[in-house]
Amino acid sequence: MKSSDQDRCYLNDEGDSFFARNMGQADPDVLRPKKREIAERIASCGLQPMRVIEYGCNYGDLLKHYAEQGAECYGIEASGDAVEFGRKHYASAIELIQGSIADNALNREGGHCGFFDLAIIDDVFCWVSRETLMQSIANIDAVLAEGGHLFIREFFPLRSTRNRNHHVKDQEIYCYKLAGLHAGVFTASENYQVLARHSWIDDHDGWVDGKDEHRFESRWVDSILRKSTQDYFATAQPPA
């Protein structure tokens, strides 16, 4: 499968660095508030998934939440340290695999095609290399079942931008924010339709000029999409 310098950076270094910076005080027995919010958004649509995959799952606390409800859960995560932490605390409750969305053992082995009824991608697409973006989308689509649902949390700016990751000093690693949304790539295929969508803007002390162009750099959107390769097409009638 395709790889890129950006994906390798997260697999080899920045994934672990992110985990060290942000998860030092993580309590494995408590679902993080943002993950609980995601679970509540999904539940509000009446979804009760039984086979869940999360790409970019960190140490897997959201997956553990679904496992406690009886779901079979898998997570793909770039950080080896996060995977080790999750395996230590959650044992056999969930299956964690180190890898990228574009290149990981679960997708390579091919045994889970059309297996999952829910796929979750929480604030991860923006860090995916543009060289491997389409491979990443293909991998997600490959494992999601007909009639399954896809949750995507991502930035929703007024215009497409990229911001350099200032934590990585020796490489040009970017966060890509799409005005048309990564979810829009799925819906453009006509195999996905939007079931629900919620957007908001993060307000913080960093804004000094109040221009919408800058504030909307921190606009977010949660999209829940339903997949079907057949339901969204009208059958054309032959001419009389």
C-alpha atoms as a PDB file:
ATOM      1  CA  MET A   1       0.000   0.000   0.000  1.00  0.00           C
ATOM      2  CA  LYS A   2       1.062   3.581  -0.523  1.00  0.00           C
ATOM      3  CA  SER A   3       2.972   5.443   2.179  1.00  0.00           C
ATOM      4  CA  SER A   4       4.288   8.971   2.617  1.00  0.00           C
ATOM      5  CA  ASP A   5       6.761  10.948   4.698  1.00  0.00           C
ATOM      6  CA  GLN A   6       3.913  12.497   6.707  1.00  0.00           C
ATOM      7  CA  ASP A   7       2.340   9.131   7.527  1.00  0.00           C
ATOM      8  CA  ARG A   8       5.739   7.695   8.481  1.00  0.00           C
ATOM      9  CA  CYS A   9       6.389  10.697  10.736  1.00  0.00           C
ATOM     10  CA  TYR A  10       3.266   9.911  12.774  1.00  0.00           C
ATOM     11  CA  LEU A  11       3.990   6.192  12.852  1.00  0.00           C
ATOM     12  CA  ASN A  12       7.631   6.571  13.878  1.00  0.00           C
ATOM     13  CA  ASP A  13       7.669   9.642  16.095  1.00  0.00           C
ATOM     14  CA  GLU A  14       4.911  12.244  16.198  1.00  0.00           C
ATOM     15  CA  GLY A  15       2.172   9.782  17.157  1.00  0.00           C
ATOM     16  CA  ASP A  16       4.073   8.870  20.325  1.00  0.00           C
ATOM     17  CA  SER A  17       4.972  12.515  20.933  1.00  0.00           C
ATOM     18  CA  PHE A  18       1.301  13.510  20.691  1.00  0.00           C
ATOM     19  CA  PHE A  19       0.371  10.770  23.146  1.00  0.00           C
ATOM     20  CA  ALA A  20       3.078  11.921  25.576  1.00  0.00           C
ATOM     21  CA  ARG A  21       2.014  15.595  25.337  1.00  0.00           C
ATOM     22  CA  ASN A  22      -1.696  15.028  25.731  1.00  0.00           C
ATOM     23  CA  MET A  23      -2.355  11.749  27.515  1.00  0.00           C
ATOM     24  CA  GLY A  24       0.029  11.814  30.461  1.00  0.00           C
ATOM     25  CA  GLN A  25      -2.852  12.094  32.933  1.00  0.00           C
ATOM     26  CA  ALA A  26      -5.279   9.855  31.072  1.00  0.00           C
ATOM     27  CA  ASP A  27      -7.551   7.789  33.294  1.00  0.00           C
ATOM     28  CA  PRO A  28      -8.350   4.555  31.422  1.00  0.00           C
ATOM     29  CA  ASP A  29     -11.431   4.020  33.594  1.00  0.00           C
ATOM     30  CA  VAL A  30     -13.080   7.296  32.496  1.00  0.00           C
ATOM     31  CA  LEU A  31     -14.346   8.028  28.993  1.00  0.00           C
ATOM     32  CA  ARG A  32     -12.905  11.372  27.911  1.00  0.00           C
ATOM     33  CA  PRO A  33     -15.577  14.125  27.596  1.00  0.00           C
ATOM     34  CA  LYS A  34     -15.072  14.642  23.852  1.00  0.00           C
ATOM     35  CA  LYS A  35     -15.378  10.905  23.255  1.00  0.00           C
ATOM     36  CA  ARG A  36     -18.528  10.790  25.391  1.00  0.00           C
ATOM     37  CA  GLU A  37     -19.934  13.614  23.277  1.00  0.00           C
ATOM     38  CA  ILE A  38     -19.298  11.555  20.141  1.00  0.00           C
ATOM     39  CA  ALA A  39     -21.021   8.515  21.657  1.00  0.00           C
ATOM     40  CA  GLU A  40     -24.014  10.676  22.560  1.00  0.00           C
ATOM     41  CA  ARG A  41     -24.245  12.145  19.043  1.00  0.00           C
ATOM     42  CA  ILE A  42     -24.212   8.656  17.548  1.00  0.00           C
ATOM     43  CA  ALA A  43     -26.800   7.393  20.055  1.00  0.00           C
ATOM     44  CA  SER A  44     -29.050  10.379  19.327  1.00  0.00           C
ATOM     45  CA  CYS A  45     -29.477   9.002  15.801  1.00  0.00           C
ATOM     46  CA  GLY A  46     -30.777   5.739  17.220  1.00  0.00           C
ATOM     47  CA  LEU A  47     -27.655   3.777  16.287  1.00  0.00           C
ATOM     48  CA  GLN A  48     -26.643   0.769  18.372  1.00  0.00           C
ATOM     49  CA  PRO A  49     -23.524  -0.557  16.628  1.00  0.00           C
ATOM     50  CA  MET A  50     -22.340  -4.100  17.195  1.00  0.00           C
ATOM     51  CA  ARG A  51     -19.114  -4.035  15.143  1.00  0.00           C
ATOM     52  CA  VAL A  52     -17.099  -0.825  15.524  1.00  0.00           C
ATOM     53  CA  ILE A  53     -13.796   0.357  14.083  1.00  0.00           C
ATOM     54  CA  GLU A  54     -12.099   3.637  14.985  1.00  0.00           C
ATOM     55  CA  TYR A  55      -9.229   4.942  12.874  1.00  0.00           C
ATOM     56  CA  GLY A  56      -6.942   7.122  14.982  1.00  0.00           C
ATOM     57  CA  CYS A  57      -8.395   5.748  18.201  1.00  0.00           C
ATOM     58  CA  ASN A  58      -5.546   6.789  20.530  1.00  0.00           C
ATOM     59  CA  TYR A  59      -5.641   4.296  23.433  1.00  0.00           C
ATOM     60  CA  GLY A  60      -9.188   3.177  22.654  1.00  0.00           C
ATOM     61  CA  ASP A  61     -11.403   4.553  25.425  1.00  0.00           C
ATOM     62  CA  LEU A  62     -14.327   5.147  23.047  1.00  0.00           C
ATOM     63  CA  LEU A  63     -13.988   1.598  21.747  1.00  0.00           C
ATOM     64  CA  LYS A  64     -13.974   0.308  25.305  1.00  0.00           C
ATOM     65  CA  HIS A  65     -17.273   2.165  25.815  1.00  0.00           C
ATOM     66  CA  TYR A  66     -18.810   0.281  22.888  1.00  0.00           C
ATOM     67  CA  ALA A  67     -17.277  -3.018  23.979  1.00  0.00           C
ATOM     68  CA  GLU A  68     -19.045  -2.628  27.326  1.00  0.00           C
ATOM     69  CA  GLN A  69     -22.297  -2.448  25.345  1.00  0.00           C
ATOM     70  CA  GLY A  70     -21.527  -5.755  23.674  1.00  0.00           C
ATOM     71  CA  ALA A  71     -19.888  -4.549  20.459  1.00  0.00           C
ATOM     72  CA  GLU A  72     -16.870  -6.149  18.785  1.00  0.00           C
ATOM     73  CA  CYS A  73     -14.310  -3.347  18.536  1.00  0.00           C
ATOM     74  CA  TYR A  74     -11.108  -2.699  16.588  1.00  0.00           C
ATOM     75  CA  GLY A  75      -8.853   0.351  16.597  1.00  0.00           C
ATOM     76  CA  ILE A  76      -6.123   1.550  14.235  1.00  0.00           C
ATOM     77  CA  GLU A  77      -3.638   3.970  15.821  1.00  0.00           C
ATOM     78  CA  ALA A  78      -0.317   5.453  14.691  1.00  0.00           C
ATOM     79  CA  SER A  79       1.178   5.684  18.188  1.00  0.00           C
ATOM     80  CA  GLY A  80       2.760   2.485  19.447  1.00  0.00           C
ATOM     81  CA  ASP A  81       2.762   3.924  22.974  1.00  0.00           C
ATOM     82  CA  ALA A  82      -0.997   4.572  22.815  1.00  0.00           C
ATOM     83  CA  VAL A  83      -1.606   1.041  21.538  1.00  0.00           C
ATOM     84  CA  GLU A  84       0.518  -0.392  24.366  1.00  0.00           C
ATOM     85  CA  PHE A  85      -1.368   1.721  26.944  1.00  0.00           C
ATOM     86  CA  GLY A  86      -4.731   0.549  25.615  1.00  0.00           C
ATOM     87  CA  ARG A  87      -3.713  -3.097  25.517  1.00  0.00           C
ATOM     88  CA  LYS A  88      -2.425  -2.882  29.070  1.00  0.00           C
ATOM     89  CA  HIS A  89      -5.636  -1.448  30.496  1.00  0.00           C
ATOM     90  CA  TYR A  90      -8.293  -2.961  28.253  1.00  0.00           C
ATOM     91  CA  ALA A  91      -6.736  -6.389  27.683  1.00  0.00           C
ATOM     92  CA  SER A  92      -8.928  -8.445  25.337  1.00  0.00           C
ATOM     93  CA  ALA A  93     -11.952  -6.111  25.410  1.00  0.00           C
ATOM     94  CA  ILE A  94     -10.830  -4.410  22.190  1.00  0.00           C
ATOM     95  CA  GLU A  95      -8.320  -5.152  19.429  1.00  0.00           C
ATOM     96  CA  LEU A  96      -5.729  -2.408  18.856  1.00  0.00           C
ATOM     97  CA  ILE A  97      -3.424  -2.330  15.830  1.00  0.00           C
ATOM     98  CA  GLN A  98      -0.599   0.114  15.140  1.00  0.00           C
ATOM     99  CA  GLY A  99      -0.801   1.579  11.666  1.00  0.00           C
ATOM    100  CA  SER A 100      -2.117   4.401   9.518  1.00  0.00           C
ATOM    101  CA  ILE A 101      -5.507   4.584   7.857  1.00  0.00           C
ATOM    102  CA  ALA A 102      -3.794   4.037   4.507  1.00  0.00           C
ATOM    103  CA  ASP A 103      -1.618   1.119   5.630  1.00  0.00           C
ATOM    104  CA  ASN A 104      -2.506  -1.239   8.469  1.00  0.00           C
ATOM    105  CA  ALA A 105      -2.674  -4.966   9.090  1.00  0.00           C
ATOM    106  CA  LEU A 106      -6.476  -5.148   9.280  1.00  0.00           C
ATOM    107  CA  ASN A 107      -6.961  -3.654   5.825  1.00  0.00           C
ATOM    108  CA  ARG A 108      -4.008  -5.503   4.309  1.00  0.00           C
ATOM    109  CA  GLU A 109      -5.289  -8.892   5.452  1.00  0.00           C
ATOM    110  CA  GLY A 110      -8.684  -8.230   3.897  1.00  0.00           C
ATOM    111  CA  GLY A 111     -10.651 -10.421   6.258  1.00  0.00           C
ATOM    112  CA  HIS A 112     -12.936  -7.620   7.470  1.00  0.00           C
ATOM    113  CA  CYS A 113     -14.355  -6.368   4.167  1.00  0.00           C
ATOM    114  CA  GLY A 114     -17.887  -5.118   4.761  1.00  0.00           C
ATOM    115  CA  PHE A 115     -17.651  -6.203   8.409  1.00  0.00           C
ATOM    116  CA  PHE A 116     -18.271  -3.067  10.503  1.00  0.00           C
ATOM    117  CA  ASP A 117     -21.566  -1.292  11.013  1.00  0.00           C
ATOM    118  CA  LEU A 118     -19.878   1.819  12.431  1.00  0.00           C
ATOM    119  CA  ALA A 119     -16.577   3.501  11.537  1.00  0.00           C
ATOM    120  CA  ILE A 120     -15.334   6.501  13.553  1.00  0.00           C
ATOM    121  CA  ILE A 121     -12.732   9.055  12.443  1.00  0.00           C
ATOM    122  CA  ASP A 122     -12.356  11.749  15.119  1.00  0.00           C
ATOM    123  CA  ASP A 123     -10.127  14.716  14.174  1.00  0.00           C
ATOM    124  CA  VAL A 124      -7.781  12.513  12.148  1.00  0.00           C
ATOM    125  CA  PHE A 125      -8.422  13.195   8.458  1.00  0.00           C
ATOM    126  CA  CYS A 126      -6.696  16.581   8.606  1.00  0.00           C
ATOM    127  CA  TRP A 127      -3.406  14.867   9.532  1.00  0.00           C
ATOM    128  CA  VAL A 128      -3.586  12.305   6.729  1.00  0.00           C
ATOM    129  CA  SER A 129      -1.025  12.830   3.997  1.00  0.00           C
ATOM    130  CA  ARG A 130      -2.557  14.117   0.771  1.00  0.00           C
ATOM    131  CA  GLU A 131      -0.567  11.422  -1.055  1.00  0.00           C
ATOM    132  CA  THR A 132      -2.426   8.686   0.818  1.00  0.00           C
ATOM    133  CA  LEU A 133      -5.794  10.384   1.308  1.00  0.00           C
ATOM    134  CA  MET A 134      -7.647   8.414  -1.352  1.00  0.00           C
ATOM    135  CA  GLN A 135      -6.130   5.126  -0.169  1.00  0.00           C
ATOM    136  CA  SER A 136      -7.305   6.004   3.343  1.00  0.00           C
ATOM    137  CA  ILE A 137     -10.836   6.679   2.126  1.00  0.00           C
ATOM    138  CA  ALA A 138     -10.825   3.409   0.156  1.00  0.00           C
ATOM    139  CA  ASN A 139      -9.728   1.464   3.252  1.00  0.00           C
ATOM    140  CA  ILE A 140     -12.551   2.899   5.359  1.00  0.00           C
ATOM    141  CA  ASP A 141     -15.111   2.189   2.665  1.00  0.00           C
ATOM    142  CA  ALA A 142     -13.807  -1.361   2.236  1.00  0.00           C
ATOM    143  CA  VAL A 143     -14.516  -2.414   5.819  1.00  0.00           C
ATOM    144  CA  LEU A 144     -17.854  -0.610   6.270  1.00  0.00           C
ATOM    145  CA  ALA A 145     -20.916  -2.770   5.671  1.00  0.00           C
ATOM    146  CA  GLU A 146     -23.834  -1.971   3.386  1.00  0.00           C
ATOM    147  CA  GLY A 147     -26.180   0.145   5.497  1.00  0.00           C
ATOM    148  CA  GLY A 148     -23.381   0.923   7.958  1.00  0.00           C
ATOM    149  CA  HIS A 149     -22.635   4.364   9.373  1.00  0.00           C
ATOM    150  CA  LEU A 150     -19.583   6.599   9.281  1.00  0.00           C
ATOM    151  CA  PHE A 151     -18.900   9.275  11.904  1.00  0.00           C
ATOM    152  CA  ILE A 152     -16.405  12.009  10.984  1.00  0.00           C
ATOM    153  CA  ARG A 153     -15.357  14.913  13.208  1.00  0.00           C
ATOM    154  CA  GLU A 154     -13.270  17.489  11.352  1.00  0.00           C
ATOM    155  CA  PHE A 155     -12.508  21.155  10.776  1.00  0.00           C
ATOM    156  CA  PHE A 156     -14.977  23.107   8.616  1.00  0.00           C
ATOM    157  CA  PRO A 157     -13.217  26.301   7.452  1.00  0.00           C
ATOM    158  CA  LEU A 158     -14.464  28.886   4.983  1.00  0.00           C
ATOM    159  CA  ARG A 159     -11.654  28.009   2.591  1.00  0.00           C
ATOM    160  CA  SER A 160      -9.289  25.061   2.276  1.00  0.00           C
ATOM    161  CA  THR A 161      -6.088  25.672   4.211  1.00  0.00           C
ATOM    162  CA  ARG A 162      -3.083  23.840   5.573  1.00  0.00           C
ATOM    163  CA  ASN A 163      -1.334  24.616   8.850  1.00  0.00           C
ATOM    164  CA  ARG A 164       2.135  23.381   9.660  1.00  0.00           C
ATOM    165  CA  ASN A 165       2.515  21.170  12.736  1.00  0.00           C
ATOM    166  CA  HIS A 166       4.775  23.329  14.905  1.00  0.00           C
ATOM    167  CA  HIS A 167       5.710  20.358  17.084  1.00  0.00           C
ATOM    168  CA  VAL A 168       7.640  18.790  14.188  1.00  0.00           C
ATOM    169  CA  LYS A 169      10.736  20.906  13.593  1.00  0.00           C
ATOM    170  CA  ASP A 170      12.686  18.876  11.039  1.00  0.00           C
ATOM    171  CA  GLN A 171       9.905  18.095   8.531  1.00  0.00           C
ATOM    172  CA  GLU A 172       7.066  19.967   6.862  1.00  0.00           C
ATOM    173  CA  ILE A 173       4.056  18.213   8.346  1.00  0.00           C
ATOM    174  CA  TYR A 174       0.665  19.812   7.807  1.00  0.00           C
ATOM    175  CA  CYS A 175      -2.893  19.831   9.103  1.00  0.00           C
ATOM    176  CA  TYR A 176      -5.219  20.001   6.074  1.00  0.00           C
ATOM    177  CA  LYS A 177      -8.610  21.664   6.565  1.00  0.00           C
ATOM    178  CA  LEU A 178     -11.098  21.268   3.712  1.00  0.00           C
ATOM    179  CA  ALA A 179     -13.882  23.743   3.045  1.00  0.00           C
ATOM    180  CA  GLY A 180     -15.703  20.963   1.230  1.00  0.00           C
ATOM    181  CA  LEU A 181     -15.080  18.499   4.086  1.00  0.00           C
ATOM    182  CA  HIS A 182     -13.481  15.076   3.944  1.00  0.00           C
ATOM    183  CA  ALA A 183     -17.012  13.781   4.498  1.00  0.00           C
ATOM    184  CA  GLY A 184     -17.808  15.430   1.169  1.00  0.00           C
ATOM    185  CA  VAL A 185     -15.519  13.001  -0.633  1.00  0.00           C
ATOM    186  CA  PHE A 186     -17.739  10.159   0.571  1.00  0.00           C
ATOM    187  CA  THR A 187     -21.036  11.874  -0.279  1.00  0.00           C
ATOM    188  CA  ALA A 188     -19.736  12.850  -3.732  1.00  0.00           C
ATOM    189  CA  SER A 189     -19.595   9.134  -4.549  1.00  0.00           C
ATOM    190  CA  GLU A 190     -23.417   8.970  -4.082  1.00  0.00           C
ATOM    191  CA  ASN A 191     -22.822   5.849  -1.961  1.00  0.00           C
ATOM    192  CA  TYR A 192     -23.152   7.900   1.242  1.00  0.00           C
ATOM    193  CA  GLN A 193     -25.827  10.282   2.443  1.00  0.00           C
ATOM    194  CA  VAL A 194     -25.834  12.562   5.470  1.00  0.00           C
ATOM    195  CA  LEU A 195     -27.929  11.232   8.339  1.00  0.00           C
ATOM    196  CA  ALA A 196     -27.060  14.050  10.764  1.00  0.00           C
ATOM    197  CA  ARG A 197     -24.687  16.990  10.990  1.00  0.00           C
ATOM    198  CA  HIS A 198     -23.728  19.375  13.813  1.00  0.00           C
ATOM    199  CA  SER A 199     -21.305  22.302  13.581  1.00  0.00           C
ATOM    200  CA  TRP A 200     -19.824  24.767  16.070  1.00  0.00           C
ATOM    201  CA  ILE A 201     -16.959  27.230  16.486  1.00  0.00           C
ATOM    202  CA  ASP A 202     -14.288  26.953  19.152  1.00  0.00           C
ATOM    203  CA  ASP A 203     -13.940  30.322  20.886  1.00  0.00           C
ATOM    204  CA  HIS A 204     -10.743  30.995  22.769  1.00  0.00           C
ATOM    205  CA  ASP A 205      -8.558  33.857  23.887  1.00  0.00           C
ATOM    206  CA  GLY A 206      -6.329  33.686  20.814  1.00  0.00           C
ATOM    207  CA  TRP A 207      -8.667  35.729  18.606  1.00  0.00           C
ATOM    208  CA  VAL A 208      -7.735  39.401  18.582  1.00  0.00           C
ATOM    209  CA  ASP A 209      -9.233  40.883  15.408  1.00  0.00           C
ATOM    210  CA  GLY A 210     -12.616  39.144  15.331  1.00  0.00           C
ATOM    211  CA  LYS A 211     -12.541  38.499  11.585  1.00  0.00           C
ATOM    212  CA  ASP A 212     -14.789  35.645  10.532  1.00  0.00           C
ATOM    213  CA  GLU A 213     -12.050  34.362   8.240  1.00  0.00           C
ATOM    214  CA  HIS A 214      -9.906  33.614  11.283  1.00  0.00           C
ATOM    215  CA  ARG A 215     -12.648  32.449  13.630  1.00  0.00           C
ATOM    216  CA  PHE A 216     -13.883  29.955  11.052  1.00  0.00           C
ATOM    217  CA  GLU A 217     -10.462  28.313  11.044  1.00  0.00           C
ATOM    218  CA  SER A 218     -11.742  26.705  14.250  1.00  0.00           C
ATOM    219  CA  ARG A 219     -15.208  25.809  13.026  1.00  0.00           C
ATOM    220  CA  TRP A 220     -15.887  22.099  13.463  1.00  0.00           C
ATOM    221  CA  VAL A 221     -18.490  19.719  12.131  1.00  0.00           C
ATOM    222  CA  ASP A 222     -19.650  16.244  13.125  1.00  0.00           C
ATOM    223  CA  SER A 223     -21.085  14.291  10.196  1.00  0.00           C
ATOM    224  CA  ILE A 224     -22.881  10.953  10.440  1.00  0.00           C
ATOM    225  CA  LEU A 225     -23.200   9.295   7.045  1.00  0.00           C
ATOM    226  CA  ARG A 226     -25.074   6.156   6.020  1.00  0.00           C
ATOM    227  CA  LYS A 227     -23.556   3.924   3.343  1.00  0.00           C
ATOM    228  CA  SER A 228     -25.493   2.151   0.622  1.00  0.00           C
ATOM    229  CA  THR A 229     -24.338   1.128  -2.816  1.00  0.00           C
ATOM    230  CA  GLN A 230     -27.925   0.680  -4.041  1.00  0.00           C
ATOM    231  CA  ASP A 231     -30.477   2.665  -2.039  1.00  0.00           C
ATOM    232  CA  TYR A 232     -29.683   6.150  -3.326  1.00  0.00           C
ATOM    233  CA  PHE A 233     -30.151   5.485  -7.036  1.00  0.00           C
ATOM    234  CA  ALA A 234     -33.413   5.750  -8.927  1.00  0.00           C
ATOM    235  CA  THR A 235     -33.782   3.118 -11.638  1.00  0.00           C
ATOM    236  CA  ALA A 236     -34.115   4.762 -15.008  1.00  0.00           C
ATOM    237  CA  GLN A 237     -37.162   3.719 -16.992  1.00  0.00           C
ATOM    238  CA  PRO A 238     -36.664   2.633 -20.608  1.00  0.00           C
ATOM    239  CA  PRO A 239     -38.156   4.934 -23.231  1.00  0.00           C
ATOM    240  CA  ALA A 240     -41.700   4.108 -24.250  1.00  0.00           C
END
